[in-house]
Amino acid sequence: MESDGSRGAERTARARISSVVVTGLGTYRRSFWRIVAAAVLVFAPIDLVVSLATMAATDFAEQSDVLSLFLWTSGTALSVAGTVLSLVFFAGVIDRIVAVDQKGEEDLPLTDILRGLPTMRLILASILTAVLTVVGLILFLLPGFALMVLFAVVGPVIVIEGLGVWAGLRRSAGLTARHGLLVIVTVLIPTTLDEELSSWLEHFAWYAHPWIQLPLDIGSTIVVGGLVGVFEVTLAHALIADQRRRRAAKAEIAARKAAKGAAAARAAVEPGPDEHEPEPDEPQDADR
């Protein structure tokens, strides 16, 4: 009979789109309520502030043509910053929940998980990632998207490997640089689902009422953000495992080459079997 750890190990995703999506969805389904509880703690307050500020900016923009572009840009930037900030922090929060399901690690109550988090490092990394991303989007657009790809797993790697803020940013960029399409499909595209849902709901008149819009926005952010967070952590574990496998394979190849080289060197130095055997004595003529 297999242990829980072995079952968990079998759920660790490979660095492929289908593997990350299937594994992440499985974890989301099995740990749904714990993930939602963590998402409420992280997303609800941030999304409430962002939603209220965005609604206020939209109202002011409608009343003033002069400020409309500035307010619209500010509201969009705030929305993007809030999304990036909350996702980075949330992915770090739920790393243990995902690791329990996928890798069979020891389970802990949510309160113990929160107490053991590198909270300040996650907050600083979240703010820094959000600021860099927003600046990149406002100034040049494409660099902003590139930074979103490179820093997609900064929260999980800070928790998984115990890194500092700058080291976490560098580590995330090193892991994701070769897997841009994987990050886009498993993290960036699902992140837009919340905005797409809000845009679709704006077609209905009843959605304009604040007491309807706010709960729906926060609820969709919790559900969608929870799923994206699971994908982020699943992706981080998959990329780390993939890098370790590639390094192990390279080390094995190098060791084999070194062993072959050493064997060839020994063969060249050691004397052959003919050199070890003495020459047989010439037979003596009996008549001499």
Protein backbone atom coordinates (compact mmCIF):
# COMPACT_ATOMS: atom_id res chain seq x y z
CA MET A 1 0.00 0.00 0.00
CA GLU A 2 1.36 3.42 -1.00
CA SER A 3 1.99 6.07 1.59
CA ASP A 4 0.50 9.56 1.42
CA GLY A 5 3.89 10.93 0.54
CA SER A 6 4.23 8.69 -2.48
CA ARG A 7 0.77 9.59 -3.68
CA GLY A 8 1.57 13.27 -3.25
CA ALA A 9 4.82 12.87 -5.15
CA GLU A 10 2.94 11.39 -8.10
CA ARG A 11 0.88 14.61 -8.34
CA THR A 12 3.89 16.87 -8.82
CA ALA A 13 3.45 18.51 -12.22
CA ARG A 14 5.90 18.42 -15.09
CA ALA A 15 6.93 21.68 -16.79
CA ARG A 16 4.23 21.31 -19.45
CA ILE A 17 1.00 23.21 -19.95
CA SER A 18 -1.30 20.21 -19.70
CA SER A 19 0.46 18.85 -16.61
CA VAL A 20 0.39 22.17 -14.73
CA VAL A 21 -3.28 22.79 -15.59
CA VAL A 22 -4.49 19.27 -14.73
CA THR A 23 -2.45 19.07 -11.51
CA GLY A 24 -3.48 22.58 -10.45
CA LEU A 25 -7.17 21.94 -11.08
CA GLY A 26 -6.96 18.73 -9.05
CA THR A 27 -5.41 20.55 -6.11
CA TYR A 28 -7.96 23.37 -6.40
CA ARG A 29 -10.82 20.87 -6.29
CA ARG A 30 -9.45 18.82 -3.39
CA SER A 31 -8.41 21.82 -1.26
CA PHE A 32 -11.10 24.26 -2.41
CA TRP A 33 -12.35 25.49 0.96
CA ARG A 34 -8.89 26.01 2.46
CA ILE A 35 -7.81 27.90 -0.66
CA VAL A 36 -10.95 30.04 -0.57
CA ALA A 37 -10.39 30.80 3.12
CA ALA A 38 -6.86 31.98 2.37
CA ALA A 39 -8.11 33.93 -0.66
CA VAL A 40 -10.68 35.77 1.46
CA LEU A 41 -7.95 36.90 3.85
CA VAL A 42 -5.70 38.16 1.04
CA PHE A 43 -7.93 39.24 -1.83
CA ALA A 44 -11.00 40.67 -0.07
CA PRO A 45 -9.37 43.72 1.59
CA ILE A 46 -7.12 44.53 -1.38
CA ASP A 47 -9.91 44.08 -3.92
CA LEU A 48 -12.28 46.19 -1.82
CA VAL A 49 -9.84 49.11 -1.81
CA VAL A 50 -9.07 48.72 -5.53
CA SER A 51 -12.76 48.44 -6.48
CA LEU A 52 -13.76 51.53 -4.48
CA ALA A 53 -10.86 53.56 -5.88
CA THR A 54 -11.59 52.45 -9.45
CA MET A 55 -15.28 53.28 -9.10
CA ALA A 56 -14.41 56.72 -7.72
CA ALA A 57 -11.94 57.36 -10.54
CA THR A 58 -14.56 56.33 -13.11
CA ASP A 59 -17.16 58.69 -11.62
CA PHE A 60 -14.74 61.63 -11.62
CA ALA A 61 -13.64 60.82 -15.17
CA GLU A 62 -17.25 61.00 -16.37
CA GLN A 63 -17.65 64.45 -14.79
CA SER A 64 -14.41 65.95 -16.09
CA ASP A 65 -13.11 65.61 -19.65
CA VAL A 66 -9.79 67.16 -18.70
CA LEU A 67 -9.01 64.61 -16.03
CA SER A 68 -10.66 61.65 -17.73
CA LEU A 69 -7.50 60.24 -19.35
CA PHE A 70 -5.43 60.70 -16.19
CA LEU A 71 -8.09 59.16 -13.96
CA TRP A 72 -8.70 56.27 -16.35
CA THR A 73 -4.96 55.54 -16.50
CA SER A 74 -4.67 55.80 -12.73
CA GLY A 75 -7.61 53.46 -12.20
CA THR A 76 -6.22 50.91 -14.63
CA ALA A 77 -2.77 51.11 -13.08
CA LEU A 78 -4.25 50.68 -9.60
CA SER A 79 -6.27 47.67 -10.75
CA VAL A 80 -3.21 46.00 -12.30
CA ALA A 81 -1.08 46.80 -9.25
CA GLY A 82 -3.70 45.37 -6.91
CA THR A 83 -3.99 42.20 -8.95
CA VAL A 84 -0.22 41.64 -9.15
CA LEU A 85 0.35 42.51 -5.48
CA SER A 86 -2.39 40.21 -4.19
CA LEU A 87 -1.41 37.30 -6.46
CA VAL A 88 2.28 37.41 -5.47
CA PHE A 89 1.43 37.45 -1.78
CA PHE A 90 -1.37 34.88 -2.08
CA ALA A 91 0.79 32.40 -3.98
CA GLY A 92 3.28 32.52 -1.12
CA VAL A 93 0.50 32.00 1.42
CA ILE A 94 -0.92 28.85 -0.18
CA ASP A 95 2.40 27.18 -1.03
CA ARG A 96 2.08 24.82 1.96
CA ILE A 97 -1.52 23.93 1.05
CA VAL A 98 -0.45 23.02 -2.49
CA ALA A 99 2.66 21.17 -1.29
CA VAL A 100 0.54 19.04 1.07
CA ASP A 101 -1.67 17.93 -1.80
CA GLN A 102 0.97 17.54 -4.51
CA LYS A 103 4.07 16.47 -2.59
CA GLY A 104 2.69 14.85 0.55
CA GLU A 105 4.29 17.37 2.92
CA GLU A 106 3.12 17.72 6.51
CA ASP A 107 -0.23 19.47 6.81
CA LEU A 108 -0.70 22.42 9.17
CA PRO A 109 -3.68 24.56 10.19
CA LEU A 110 -4.03 27.77 8.20
CA THR A 111 -3.19 29.87 11.26
CA ASP A 112 0.13 28.02 11.70
CA ILE A 113 0.90 28.44 8.00
CA LEU A 114 0.30 32.19 8.25
CA ARG A 115 2.50 32.48 11.34
CA GLY A 116 5.37 30.69 9.62
CA LEU A 117 5.34 32.83 6.48
CA PRO A 118 8.10 35.33 5.61
CA THR A 119 5.39 38.00 5.60
CA MET A 120 7.55 41.10 5.22
CA ARG A 121 9.55 39.58 2.37
CA LEU A 122 6.36 38.61 0.57
CA ILE A 123 4.86 42.09 1.06
CA LEU A 124 8.00 43.83 -0.20
CA ALA A 125 8.28 41.46 -3.18
CA SER A 126 4.59 42.01 -3.98
CA ILE A 127 4.93 45.81 -3.89
CA LEU A 128 8.15 45.81 -5.90
CA THR A 129 6.72 43.47 -8.54
CA ALA A 130 3.54 45.53 -8.81
CA VAL A 131 5.44 48.83 -9.16
CA LEU A 132 7.86 47.49 -11.78
CA THR A 133 5.04 45.88 -13.76
CA VAL A 134 2.85 48.99 -13.77
CA VAL A 135 5.76 51.25 -14.75
CA GLY A 136 6.66 48.84 -17.56
CA LEU A 137 3.07 48.77 -18.81
CA ILE A 138 2.63 52.55 -18.69
CA LEU A 139 5.94 53.45 -20.32
CA PHE A 140 6.51 50.75 -22.92
CA LEU A 141 3.71 48.14 -22.50
CA LEU A 142 5.72 45.12 -23.71
CA PRO A 143 8.32 45.33 -20.90
CA GLY A 144 5.43 45.29 -18.46
CA PHE A 145 4.14 42.01 -19.87
CA ALA A 146 7.68 40.64 -19.91
CA LEU A 147 8.06 41.46 -16.21
CA MET A 148 4.74 39.78 -15.47
CA VAL A 149 6.14 36.61 -17.06
CA LEU A 150 9.54 36.80 -15.40
CA PHE A 151 8.19 37.48 -11.90
CA ALA A 152 5.23 35.09 -12.13
CA VAL A 153 6.51 32.71 -9.43
CA VAL A 154 8.38 35.11 -7.12
CA GLY A 155 5.99 34.53 -4.20
CA PRO A 156 6.26 30.73 -4.19
CA VAL A 157 10.05 30.63 -4.66
CA ILE A 158 10.58 33.00 -1.72
CA VAL A 159 8.65 30.55 0.47
CA ILE A 160 9.91 27.30 -1.08
CA GLU A 161 13.60 28.19 -1.06
CA GLY A 162 13.70 30.73 1.76
CA LEU A 163 15.00 33.54 -0.45
CA GLY A 164 15.15 37.28 0.07
CA VAL A 165 13.27 39.79 -2.07
CA TRP A 166 15.93 40.46 -4.73
CA ALA A 167 17.09 36.85 -4.74
CA GLY A 168 13.47 35.77 -5.19
CA LEU A 169 13.01 38.10 -8.15
CA ARG A 170 16.20 36.81 -9.79
CA ARG A 171 15.26 33.19 -9.08
CA SER A 172 11.78 33.65 -10.56
CA ALA A 173 13.24 35.27 -13.68
CA GLY A 174 15.76 32.45 -14.04
CA LEU A 175 13.06 29.79 -13.81
CA THR A 176 10.51 31.40 -16.14
CA ALA A 177 12.79 32.94 -18.80
CA ARG A 178 12.84 29.73 -20.86
CA HIS A 179 9.14 28.96 -20.33
CA GLY A 180 7.35 32.11 -21.51
CA LEU A 181 4.47 30.30 -23.25
CA LEU A 182 3.95 28.03 -20.24
CA VAL A 183 3.66 31.06 -17.93
CA ILE A 184 1.35 32.95 -20.29
CA VAL A 185 -1.09 30.05 -20.66
CA THR A 186 -1.13 28.89 -17.03
CA VAL A 187 -0.90 32.24 -15.19
CA LEU A 188 -1.40 35.37 -17.29
CA ILE A 189 -4.41 34.22 -19.32
CA PRO A 190 -6.30 32.85 -16.27
CA THR A 191 -5.58 36.16 -14.49
CA THR A 192 -7.63 38.00 -17.13
CA LEU A 193 -10.72 35.87 -16.46
CA ASP A 194 -11.74 38.08 -13.54
CA GLU A 195 -11.55 41.23 -15.67
CA GLU A 196 -13.38 39.53 -18.54
CA LEU A 197 -16.20 38.52 -16.19
CA SER A 198 -16.48 42.08 -14.85
CA SER A 199 -16.51 43.49 -18.39
CA TRP A 200 -19.30 41.11 -19.37
CA LEU A 201 -21.36 41.99 -16.30
CA GLU A 202 -21.09 45.70 -17.10
CA HIS A 203 -23.56 45.13 -19.95
CA PHE A 204 -26.32 44.63 -17.37
CA ALA A 205 -27.90 47.69 -15.77
CA TRP A 206 -28.28 46.06 -12.36
CA TYR A 207 -24.50 45.53 -12.16
CA ALA A 208 -23.94 49.30 -11.87
CA HIS A 209 -25.36 49.36 -8.35
CA PRO A 210 -22.42 49.44 -5.89
CA TRP A 211 -23.99 46.99 -3.46
CA ILE A 212 -24.26 44.45 -6.28
CA GLN A 213 -21.02 45.23 -8.07
CA LEU A 214 -18.74 45.08 -5.02
CA PRO A 215 -19.77 41.63 -3.74
CA LEU A 216 -19.66 40.16 -7.25
CA ASP A 217 -16.23 41.67 -7.96
CA ILE A 218 -14.79 40.46 -4.69
CA GLY A 219 -16.37 37.02 -5.06
CA SER A 220 -15.07 36.53 -8.59
CA THR A 221 -11.61 37.72 -7.52
CA ILE A 222 -11.56 35.20 -4.68
CA VAL A 223 -12.63 32.28 -6.88
CA VAL A 224 -10.51 33.14 -9.93
CA GLY A 225 -7.58 34.44 -7.88
CA GLY A 226 -7.57 31.26 -5.83
CA LEU A 227 -7.26 29.19 -8.99
CA VAL A 228 -4.52 31.40 -10.44
CA GLY A 229 -2.61 31.19 -7.15
CA VAL A 230 -2.73 27.40 -7.27
CA PHE A 231 -1.47 27.46 -10.85
CA GLU A 232 1.39 29.76 -9.81
CA VAL A 233 2.53 27.48 -7.00
CA THR A 234 2.09 24.35 -9.14
CA LEU A 235 4.14 26.02 -11.88
CA ALA A 236 6.88 27.02 -9.42
CA HIS A 237 7.25 23.46 -8.11
CA ALA A 238 7.21 22.10 -11.67
CA LEU A 239 9.92 24.52 -12.87
CA ILE A 240 12.13 23.86 -9.85
CA ALA A 241 11.79 20.08 -10.30
CA ASP A 242 12.45 20.41 -14.04
CA GLN A 243 15.60 22.43 -13.43
CA ARG A 244 16.84 19.87 -10.89
CA ARG A 245 16.21 17.03 -13.34
CA ARG A 246 18.12 18.81 -16.08
CA ARG A 247 21.03 19.54 -13.77
CA ALA A 248 21.08 15.94 -12.56
CA ALA A 249 21.05 14.69 -16.17
CA LYS A 250 23.94 17.02 -17.09
CA ALA A 251 25.89 15.92 -14.01
CA GLU A 252 25.32 12.26 -14.90
CA ILE A 253 26.50 12.81 -18.48
CA ALA A 254 29.56 14.69 -17.23
CA ALA A 255 30.32 11.89 -14.75
CA ARG A 256 30.07 9.26 -17.49
CA LYS A 257 32.37 11.24 -19.75
CA ALA A 258 34.85 11.69 -16.89
CA ALA A 259 34.75 7.95 -16.12
CA LYS A 260 35.36 7.09 -19.79
CA GLY A 261 38.22 9.57 -19.95
CA ALA A 262 39.81 8.15 -16.79
CA ALA A 263 39.48 4.60 -18.14
CA ALA A 264 41.09 5.63 -21.43
CA ALA A 265 43.94 7.36 -19.57
CA ARG A 266 44.59 4.26 -17.45
CA ALA A 267 44.59 2.06 -20.54
CA ALA A 268 47.17 4.31 -22.19
CA VAL A 269 49.49 4.30 -19.17
CA GLU A 270 49.25 0.68 -18.05
CA PRO A 271 51.48 -1.84 -19.95
CA GLY A 272 49.80 -4.36 -22.15
CA PRO A 273 49.69 -8.07 -21.36
CA ASP A 274 52.64 -8.83 -23.71
CA GLU A 275 54.86 -6.40 -21.85
CA HIS A 276 54.28 -8.23 -18.55
CA GLU A 277 55.19 -11.72 -19.77
CA PRO A 278 58.94 -12.55 -19.93
CA GLU A 279 60.42 -13.81 -23.17
CA PRO A 280 60.69 -17.65 -23.14
CA ASP A 281 64.28 -18.97 -22.99
CA GLU A 282 65.81 -20.23 -26.24
CA PRO A 283 65.80 -24.03 -26.25
CA GLN A 284 69.32 -25.43 -25.67
CA ASP A 285 70.76 -27.84 -28.29
CA ALA A 286 71.41 -31.16 -26.49
CA ASP A 287 74.58 -31.90 -28.56
CA ARG A 288 76.30 -28.64 -27.60
